[in-house]
């Protein structure tokens, strides 16, 4: 299993990116400004990670996804641990991540990795997404922001 930087985004990358963020316009925007990595296992791209410098000494995980067939195998945690190591080795002091208030599995994973909730961006998904997102049988409205100081 290898995590490596992506030089050119391919259709398979978009399949993964859009699992985590269905708004293609937003994905294209942060891809231009961030660092993108793929997780490859047995010559197959199974995960993706996009890191974006947001403020001095702060790096945000703006997209993280594992293919549906490979979820539940610890690959998301592996990508998060990679992001934390990358941030530390590049002199970032804080790593942030945002997720939906209805993203129960993701909230568990991020807290398991040491992130703490810092704020709620009320109606974020209503303001920034053209189509309604339903997750865990709930309409997604709010983004929960978490951070981890290195």
N, C-alpha and C. Protein backbone atom coordinates (compact mmCIF):
# COMPACT_ATOMS: atom_id res chain seq x y z
N UNK A 1 0.84 -1.17 0.00
CA UNK A 1 0.00 0.00 0.00
C UNK A 1 0.88 1.23 0.00
N UNK A 2 0.58 2.18 -0.91
CA UNK A 2 1.40 3.36 -1.08
C UNK A 2 0.51 4.60 -1.13
N UNK A 3 0.99 5.70 -0.54
CA UNK A 3 0.34 6.99 -0.70
C UNK A 3 1.32 7.87 -1.45
N UNK A 4 0.88 8.42 -2.56
CA UNK A 4 1.76 9.25 -3.39
C UNK A 4 1.02 10.46 -3.92
N UNK A 5 1.78 11.51 -4.21
CA UNK A 5 1.19 12.73 -4.74
C UNK A 5 0.67 12.50 -6.15
N UNK A 6 -0.43 13.13 -6.46
CA UNK A 6 -1.04 13.02 -7.79
C UNK A 6 -0.57 14.20 -8.63
N UNK A 7 -0.07 13.91 -9.79
CA UNK A 7 0.39 14.97 -10.69
C UNK A 7 -0.74 15.44 -11.62
N UNK A 8 -1.61 14.51 -12.03
CA UNK A 8 -2.70 14.86 -12.93
C UNK A 8 -3.95 14.09 -12.50
N UNK A 9 -5.03 14.83 -12.29
CA UNK A 9 -6.29 14.22 -11.85
C UNK A 9 -6.92 13.45 -13.01
N UNK A 10 -7.26 12.20 -12.75
CA UNK A 10 -7.87 11.31 -13.74
C UNK A 10 -9.34 11.09 -13.37
N UNK A 11 -10.14 10.54 -14.28
CA UNK A 11 -11.55 10.25 -13.97
C UNK A 11 -11.73 9.39 -12.71
N UNK A 12 -10.85 8.41 -12.49
CA UNK A 12 -10.96 7.56 -11.29
C UNK A 12 -10.80 8.39 -10.02
N UNK A 13 -9.95 9.41 -10.08
CA UNK A 13 -9.79 10.30 -8.93
C UNK A 13 -11.10 11.03 -8.64
N UNK A 14 -11.74 11.52 -9.71
CA UNK A 14 -13.01 12.22 -9.52
C UNK A 14 -14.07 11.31 -8.92
N UNK A 15 -14.07 10.04 -9.31
CA UNK A 15 -15.03 9.10 -8.70
C UNK A 15 -14.91 9.12 -7.19
N UNK A 16 -13.69 9.14 -6.69
CA UNK A 16 -13.45 9.17 -5.25
C UNK A 16 -13.73 10.54 -4.65
N UNK A 17 -13.24 11.58 -5.29
CA UNK A 17 -13.44 12.94 -4.79
C UNK A 17 -14.92 13.27 -4.61
N UNK A 18 -15.73 12.83 -5.58
CA UNK A 18 -17.15 13.14 -5.54
C UNK A 18 -17.92 12.28 -4.55
N UNK A 19 -17.30 11.21 -4.05
CA UNK A 19 -17.90 10.46 -2.94
C UNK A 19 -17.95 11.33 -1.69
N UNK A 20 -16.89 12.09 -1.48
CA UNK A 20 -16.78 12.92 -0.28
C UNK A 20 -17.40 14.30 -0.47
N UNK A 21 -17.44 14.78 -1.70
CA UNK A 21 -17.95 16.12 -1.97
C UNK A 21 -18.65 16.11 -3.32
N UNK A 22 -19.98 16.07 -3.34
CA UNK A 22 -20.70 15.93 -4.61
C UNK A 22 -20.76 17.20 -5.47
N UNK A 23 -20.20 18.31 -5.00
CA UNK A 23 -20.25 19.56 -5.75
C UNK A 23 -18.98 19.71 -6.59
N UNK A 24 -19.03 19.32 -7.85
CA UNK A 24 -17.85 19.31 -8.74
C UNK A 24 -17.17 20.68 -8.81
N UNK A 25 -17.95 21.72 -8.81
CA UNK A 25 -17.41 23.08 -8.90
C UNK A 25 -16.49 23.37 -7.70
N UNK A 26 -16.90 22.96 -6.51
CA UNK A 26 -16.08 23.18 -5.32
C UNK A 26 -14.82 22.30 -5.35
N UNK A 27 -14.98 21.07 -5.80
CA UNK A 27 -13.84 20.15 -5.90
C UNK A 27 -12.79 20.74 -6.84
N UNK A 28 -13.23 21.19 -8.02
CA UNK A 28 -12.29 21.77 -8.98
C UNK A 28 -11.57 22.98 -8.41
N UNK A 29 -12.28 23.78 -7.62
CA UNK A 29 -11.68 24.97 -7.02
C UNK A 29 -10.55 24.60 -6.06
N UNK A 30 -10.81 23.70 -5.11
CA UNK A 30 -9.75 23.41 -4.15
C UNK A 30 -8.66 22.51 -4.71
N UNK A 31 -8.95 21.76 -5.76
CA UNK A 31 -7.88 20.97 -6.40
C UNK A 31 -6.79 21.87 -6.96
N UNK A 32 -7.18 23.04 -7.47
CA UNK A 32 -6.20 23.98 -8.05
C UNK A 32 -5.28 24.59 -6.99
N UNK A 33 -5.75 24.61 -5.75
CA UNK A 33 -4.99 25.30 -4.69
C UNK A 33 -4.35 24.35 -3.69
N UNK A 34 -4.70 23.07 -3.74
CA UNK A 34 -4.24 22.15 -2.71
C UNK A 34 -3.23 21.12 -3.20
N UNK A 35 -2.87 20.24 -2.27
CA UNK A 35 -1.98 19.11 -2.54
C UNK A 35 -2.85 17.86 -2.55
N UNK A 36 -2.71 17.05 -3.59
CA UNK A 36 -3.59 15.89 -3.74
C UNK A 36 -2.75 14.61 -3.73
N UNK A 37 -3.24 13.61 -2.98
CA UNK A 37 -2.55 12.34 -2.83
C UNK A 37 -3.52 11.19 -3.08
N UNK A 38 -2.98 10.09 -3.59
CA UNK A 38 -3.79 8.89 -3.80
C UNK A 38 -3.21 7.74 -2.99
N UNK A 39 -4.10 6.89 -2.53
CA UNK A 39 -3.70 5.67 -1.84
C UNK A 39 -3.88 4.54 -2.84
N UNK A 40 -2.80 3.82 -3.11
CA UNK A 40 -2.81 2.75 -4.11
C UNK A 40 -2.53 1.43 -3.42
N UNK A 41 -3.39 0.46 -3.69
CA UNK A 41 -3.24 -0.88 -3.14
C UNK A 41 -3.42 -1.89 -4.27
N UNK A 42 -2.45 -2.76 -4.45
CA UNK A 42 -2.50 -3.75 -5.54
C UNK A 42 -2.76 -3.09 -6.90
N UNK A 43 -2.06 -1.99 -7.15
CA UNK A 43 -2.14 -1.24 -8.41
C UNK A 43 -3.51 -0.60 -8.66
N UNK A 44 -4.33 -0.51 -7.61
CA UNK A 44 -5.66 0.08 -7.73
C UNK A 44 -5.74 1.30 -6.81
N UNK A 45 -6.27 2.39 -7.32
CA UNK A 45 -6.47 3.59 -6.52
C UNK A 45 -7.67 3.33 -5.60
N UNK A 46 -7.40 3.29 -4.30
CA UNK A 46 -8.47 2.97 -3.35
C UNK A 46 -8.84 4.15 -2.45
N UNK A 47 -8.03 5.20 -2.46
CA UNK A 47 -8.33 6.35 -1.61
C UNK A 47 -7.73 7.62 -2.15
N UNK A 48 -8.23 8.75 -1.64
CA UNK A 48 -7.74 10.05 -2.10
C UNK A 48 -7.77 11.03 -0.93
N UNK A 49 -6.88 12.00 -0.99
CA UNK A 49 -6.73 12.99 0.07
C UNK A 49 -6.33 14.32 -0.56
N UNK A 50 -7.01 15.40 -0.18
CA UNK A 50 -6.64 16.73 -0.65
C UNK A 50 -6.39 17.61 0.57
N UNK A 51 -5.21 18.22 0.61
CA UNK A 51 -4.80 19.09 1.70
C UNK A 51 -4.67 20.51 1.18
N UNK A 52 -5.17 21.47 1.96
CA UNK A 52 -5.19 22.86 1.51
C UNK A 52 -4.66 23.78 2.62
N UNK A 53 -3.58 24.51 2.35
CA UNK A 53 -3.14 25.52 3.32
C UNK A 53 -4.22 26.62 3.39
N UNK A 54 -4.69 26.92 4.60
CA UNK A 54 -5.77 27.90 4.72
C UNK A 54 -5.33 29.18 5.41
N UNK A 55 -4.44 29.07 6.39
CA UNK A 55 -3.89 30.20 7.12
C UNK A 55 -2.44 29.87 7.43
N UNK A 56 -1.66 30.86 7.87
CA UNK A 56 -0.28 30.51 8.26
C UNK A 56 -0.29 29.38 9.30
N UNK A 57 0.50 28.38 9.04
CA UNK A 57 0.68 27.23 9.93
C UNK A 57 -0.55 26.35 10.08
N UNK A 58 -1.55 26.49 9.18
CA UNK A 58 -2.76 25.67 9.24
C UNK A 58 -2.99 24.99 7.91
N UNK A 59 -3.25 23.70 7.99
CA UNK A 59 -3.52 22.87 6.82
C UNK A 59 -4.88 22.22 7.02
N UNK A 60 -5.73 22.27 6.00
CA UNK A 60 -7.06 21.66 6.11
C UNK A 60 -7.16 20.44 5.20
N UNK A 61 -7.73 19.38 5.74
CA UNK A 61 -8.11 18.22 4.92
C UNK A 61 -9.45 18.60 4.30
N UNK A 62 -9.45 18.92 3.01
CA UNK A 62 -10.68 19.37 2.37
C UNK A 62 -11.41 18.24 1.65
N UNK A 63 -10.73 17.14 1.42
CA UNK A 63 -11.38 15.98 0.82
C UNK A 63 -10.60 14.74 1.22
N UNK A 64 -11.34 13.74 1.67
CA UNK A 64 -10.75 12.44 1.99
C UNK A 64 -11.81 11.41 1.67
N UNK A 65 -11.43 10.41 0.89
CA UNK A 65 -12.40 9.39 0.51
C UNK A 65 -11.70 8.06 0.26
N UNK A 66 -12.42 7.00 0.56
CA UNK A 66 -11.98 5.63 0.29
C UNK A 66 -13.07 4.98 -0.55
N UNK A 67 -12.67 4.23 -1.57
CA UNK A 67 -13.67 3.58 -2.43
C UNK A 67 -14.62 2.74 -1.59
N UNK A 68 -15.86 2.68 -2.02
CA UNK A 68 -16.89 2.00 -1.24
C UNK A 68 -16.53 0.55 -0.96
N UNK A 69 -15.88 -0.13 -1.90
CA UNK A 69 -15.50 -1.54 -1.71
C UNK A 69 -14.39 -1.72 -0.68
N UNK A 70 -13.68 -0.65 -0.35
CA UNK A 70 -12.53 -0.74 0.56
C UNK A 70 -12.76 -0.04 1.90
N UNK A 71 -13.97 0.42 2.14
CA UNK A 71 -14.26 1.08 3.41
C UNK A 71 -14.30 0.05 4.53
N UNK A 72 -14.03 0.52 5.74
CA UNK A 72 -14.05 -0.35 6.91
C UNK A 72 -12.78 -1.16 7.10
N UNK A 73 -11.71 -0.79 6.37
CA UNK A 73 -10.44 -1.52 6.46
C UNK A 73 -9.31 -0.68 7.06
N UNK A 74 -9.66 0.48 7.60
CA UNK A 74 -8.65 1.34 8.20
C UNK A 74 -7.92 2.25 7.23
N UNK A 75 -8.37 2.31 5.99
CA UNK A 75 -7.67 3.13 4.99
C UNK A 75 -7.90 4.63 5.21
N UNK A 76 -9.09 5.00 5.67
CA UNK A 76 -9.34 6.40 5.98
C UNK A 76 -8.43 6.88 7.09
N UNK A 77 -8.26 6.06 8.11
CA UNK A 77 -7.36 6.41 9.20
C UNK A 77 -5.92 6.50 8.70
N UNK A 78 -5.54 5.62 7.80
CA UNK A 78 -4.19 5.66 7.22
C UNK A 78 -3.97 6.99 6.48
N UNK A 79 -4.97 7.44 5.73
CA UNK A 79 -4.87 8.72 5.02
C UNK A 79 -4.78 9.89 6.00
N UNK A 80 -5.54 9.84 7.08
CA UNK A 80 -5.49 10.90 8.08
C UNK A 80 -4.12 10.93 8.75
N UNK A 81 -3.60 9.78 9.11
CA UNK A 81 -2.27 9.72 9.73
C UNK A 81 -1.21 10.26 8.77
N UNK A 82 -1.35 9.96 7.48
CA UNK A 82 -0.45 10.52 6.47
C UNK A 82 -0.56 12.05 6.46
N UNK A 83 -1.78 12.58 6.48
CA UNK A 83 -1.99 14.03 6.46
C UNK A 83 -1.33 14.69 7.66
N UNK A 84 -1.46 14.07 8.83
CA UNK A 84 -0.86 14.63 10.04
C UNK A 84 0.66 14.62 9.96
N UNK A 85 1.23 13.54 9.44
CA UNK A 85 2.69 13.46 9.28
C UNK A 85 3.17 14.48 8.26
N UNK A 86 2.43 14.62 7.15
CA UNK A 86 2.77 15.59 6.12
C UNK A 86 2.76 17.00 6.71
N UNK A 87 1.72 17.31 7.47
CA UNK A 87 1.60 18.64 8.08
C UNK A 87 2.76 18.90 9.03
N UNK A 88 3.07 17.94 9.86
CA UNK A 88 4.16 18.09 10.82
C UNK A 88 5.50 18.30 10.13
N UNK A 89 5.77 17.51 9.10
CA UNK A 89 7.05 17.60 8.41
C UNK A 89 7.17 18.87 7.56
N UNK A 90 6.06 19.55 7.32
CA UNK A 90 6.07 20.79 6.56
C UNK A 90 5.78 22.01 7.44
N UNK A 91 6.03 21.87 8.74
CA UNK A 91 5.96 22.95 9.72
C UNK A 91 4.57 23.55 9.93
N UNK A 92 3.52 22.80 9.64
CA UNK A 92 2.18 23.26 10.00
C UNK A 92 1.96 22.95 11.48
N UNK A 93 1.20 23.78 12.16
CA UNK A 93 0.95 23.60 13.60
C UNK A 93 -0.45 23.05 13.89
N UNK A 94 -1.37 23.26 12.94
CA UNK A 94 -2.76 22.84 13.14
C UNK A 94 -3.29 22.19 11.87
N UNK A 95 -4.06 21.13 12.05
CA UNK A 95 -4.75 20.49 10.92
C UNK A 95 -6.24 20.59 11.22
N UNK A 96 -7.00 21.03 10.23
CA UNK A 96 -8.44 21.17 10.37
C UNK A 96 -9.16 20.26 9.40
N UNK A 97 -10.41 19.96 9.71
CA UNK A 97 -11.25 19.18 8.81
C UNK A 97 -12.70 19.55 9.09
N UNK A 98 -13.52 19.54 8.07
CA UNK A 98 -14.94 19.79 8.22
C UNK A 98 -15.72 18.63 7.64
N UNK A 99 -16.88 18.35 8.25
CA UNK A 99 -17.72 17.27 7.75
C UNK A 99 -19.17 17.59 8.07
N UNK A 100 -20.05 16.85 7.47
CA UNK A 100 -21.47 17.07 7.70
C UNK A 100 -21.89 16.66 9.10
N UNK A 101 -22.86 17.38 9.63
CA UNK A 101 -23.37 17.07 10.97
C UNK A 101 -24.06 15.71 11.00
N UNK A 102 -24.41 15.18 9.83
CA UNK A 102 -25.04 13.86 9.75
C UNK A 102 -24.05 12.76 9.36
N UNK A 103 -22.78 13.11 9.27
CA UNK A 103 -21.72 12.16 8.87
C UNK A 103 -21.18 11.45 10.10
N UNK A 104 -21.98 10.58 10.67
CA UNK A 104 -21.66 9.97 11.96
C UNK A 104 -20.37 9.15 11.94
N UNK A 105 -20.16 8.36 10.89
CA UNK A 105 -18.94 7.56 10.79
C UNK A 105 -17.70 8.41 10.68
N UNK A 106 -17.78 9.47 9.90
CA UNK A 106 -16.64 10.36 9.73
C UNK A 106 -16.33 11.09 11.04
N UNK A 107 -17.37 11.57 11.71
CA UNK A 107 -17.16 12.25 13.00
C UNK A 107 -16.47 11.33 14.00
N UNK A 108 -16.86 10.07 14.02
CA UNK A 108 -16.22 9.10 14.91
C UNK A 108 -14.74 8.93 14.53
N UNK A 109 -14.47 8.74 13.24
CA UNK A 109 -13.10 8.53 12.78
C UNK A 109 -12.22 9.73 13.12
N UNK A 110 -12.68 10.93 12.84
CA UNK A 110 -11.85 12.11 13.07
C UNK A 110 -11.54 12.28 14.56
N UNK A 111 -12.53 12.03 15.41
CA UNK A 111 -12.28 12.14 16.85
C UNK A 111 -11.37 11.01 17.33
N UNK A 112 -11.51 9.84 16.76
CA UNK A 112 -10.63 8.71 17.08
C UNK A 112 -9.17 9.07 16.76
N UNK A 113 -8.97 9.87 15.72
CA UNK A 113 -7.62 10.28 15.30
C UNK A 113 -7.12 11.50 16.06
N UNK A 114 -7.90 12.01 17.01
CA UNK A 114 -7.44 13.10 17.85
C UNK A 114 -8.03 14.47 17.57
N UNK A 115 -8.87 14.59 16.55
CA UNK A 115 -9.49 15.88 16.25
C UNK A 115 -10.53 16.21 17.30
N UNK A 116 -10.69 17.51 17.55
CA UNK A 116 -11.70 17.99 18.50
C UNK A 116 -12.62 18.95 17.77
N UNK A 117 -13.90 18.93 18.11
CA UNK A 117 -14.86 19.84 17.50
C UNK A 117 -14.56 21.26 17.93
N UNK A 118 -14.60 22.18 16.95
CA UNK A 118 -14.30 23.57 17.25
C UNK A 118 -15.46 24.51 16.94
N UNK A 119 -16.27 24.17 15.93
CA UNK A 119 -17.39 25.06 15.59
C UNK A 119 -18.38 24.36 14.66
N UNK A 120 -19.50 25.02 14.47
CA UNK A 120 -20.51 24.55 13.53
C UNK A 120 -20.77 25.69 12.55
N UNK A 121 -20.71 25.39 11.28
CA UNK A 121 -21.05 26.36 10.23
C UNK A 121 -22.49 26.05 9.83
N UNK A 122 -23.43 26.78 10.45
CA UNK A 122 -24.85 26.53 10.24
C UNK A 122 -25.25 26.79 8.78
N UNK A 123 -26.03 25.88 8.22
CA UNK A 123 -26.58 25.96 6.86
C UNK A 123 -25.51 25.97 5.76
N UNK A 124 -24.31 25.52 6.07
CA UNK A 124 -23.23 25.49 5.08
C UNK A 124 -23.65 24.76 3.81
N UNK A 125 -24.22 23.58 3.96
CA UNK A 125 -24.56 22.76 2.80
C UNK A 125 -25.77 23.31 2.05
N UNK A 126 -26.62 24.04 2.71
CA UNK A 126 -27.75 24.68 2.03
C UNK A 126 -27.26 25.87 1.20
N UNK A 127 -26.25 26.57 1.71
CA UNK A 127 -25.71 27.75 1.01
C UNK A 127 -24.81 27.39 -0.17
N UNK A 128 -24.05 26.30 -0.06
CA UNK A 128 -22.99 26.03 -1.04
C UNK A 128 -23.28 24.89 -2.01
N UNK A 129 -24.35 24.17 -1.82
CA UNK A 129 -24.64 23.02 -2.67
C UNK A 129 -25.98 23.22 -3.37
N UNK A 130 -25.97 22.95 -4.67
CA UNK A 130 -27.15 23.18 -5.48
C UNK A 130 -28.26 22.18 -5.18
N UNK A 131 -27.88 20.94 -4.90
CA UNK A 131 -28.87 19.90 -4.64
C UNK A 131 -28.85 19.49 -3.17
N UNK A 132 -30.00 19.14 -2.68
CA UNK A 132 -30.13 18.68 -1.30
C UNK A 132 -29.35 17.38 -1.10
N UNK A 133 -28.65 17.29 0.02
CA UNK A 133 -27.89 16.08 0.35
C UNK A 133 -28.61 15.40 1.52
N UNK A 134 -28.91 14.12 1.33
CA UNK A 134 -29.53 13.33 2.39
C UNK A 134 -28.52 12.27 2.82
N UNK A 135 -28.25 12.23 4.10
CA UNK A 135 -27.26 11.31 4.65
C UNK A 135 -27.82 10.72 5.94
N UNK A 136 -27.76 9.42 6.06
CA UNK A 136 -28.32 8.74 7.24
C UNK A 136 -29.78 9.13 7.47
N UNK A 137 -30.51 9.29 6.36
CA UNK A 137 -31.94 9.63 6.35
C UNK A 137 -32.25 11.01 6.92
N UNK A 138 -31.23 11.88 6.94
CA UNK A 138 -31.40 13.25 7.41
C UNK A 138 -30.93 14.22 6.33
N UNK A 139 -31.59 15.36 6.21
CA UNK A 139 -31.14 16.39 5.28
C UNK A 139 -29.92 17.06 5.89
N UNK A 140 -28.84 17.07 5.13
CA UNK A 140 -27.59 17.66 5.60
C UNK A 140 -27.67 19.18 5.46
N UNK A 141 -27.48 19.86 6.57
CA UNK A 141 -27.53 21.33 6.58
C UNK A 141 -26.22 21.94 7.08
N UNK A 142 -25.71 21.43 8.20
CA UNK A 142 -24.60 22.09 8.89
C UNK A 142 -23.27 21.35 8.72
N UNK A 143 -22.18 22.14 8.69
CA UNK A 143 -20.84 21.55 8.70
C UNK A 143 -20.28 21.65 10.11
N UNK A 144 -19.73 20.55 10.59
CA UNK A 144 -19.04 20.51 11.87
C UNK A 144 -17.55 20.66 11.57
N UNK A 145 -16.91 21.62 12.21
CA UNK A 145 -15.49 21.87 12.02
C UNK A 145 -14.73 21.26 13.18
N UNK A 146 -13.62 20.57 12.86
CA UNK A 146 -12.77 19.96 13.88
C UNK A 146 -11.33 20.37 13.62
N UNK A 147 -10.50 20.33 14.66
CA UNK A 147 -9.08 20.64 14.46
C UNK A 147 -8.24 19.82 15.42
N UNK A 148 -6.97 19.75 15.07
CA UNK A 148 -5.99 19.03 15.89
C UNK A 148 -4.71 19.86 15.86
N UNK A 149 -4.23 20.23 17.04
CA UNK A 149 -2.96 20.95 17.15
C UNK A 149 -1.83 19.92 17.22
N UNK A 150 -0.82 20.11 16.38
CA UNK A 150 0.30 19.17 16.32
C UNK A 150 1.33 19.48 17.39
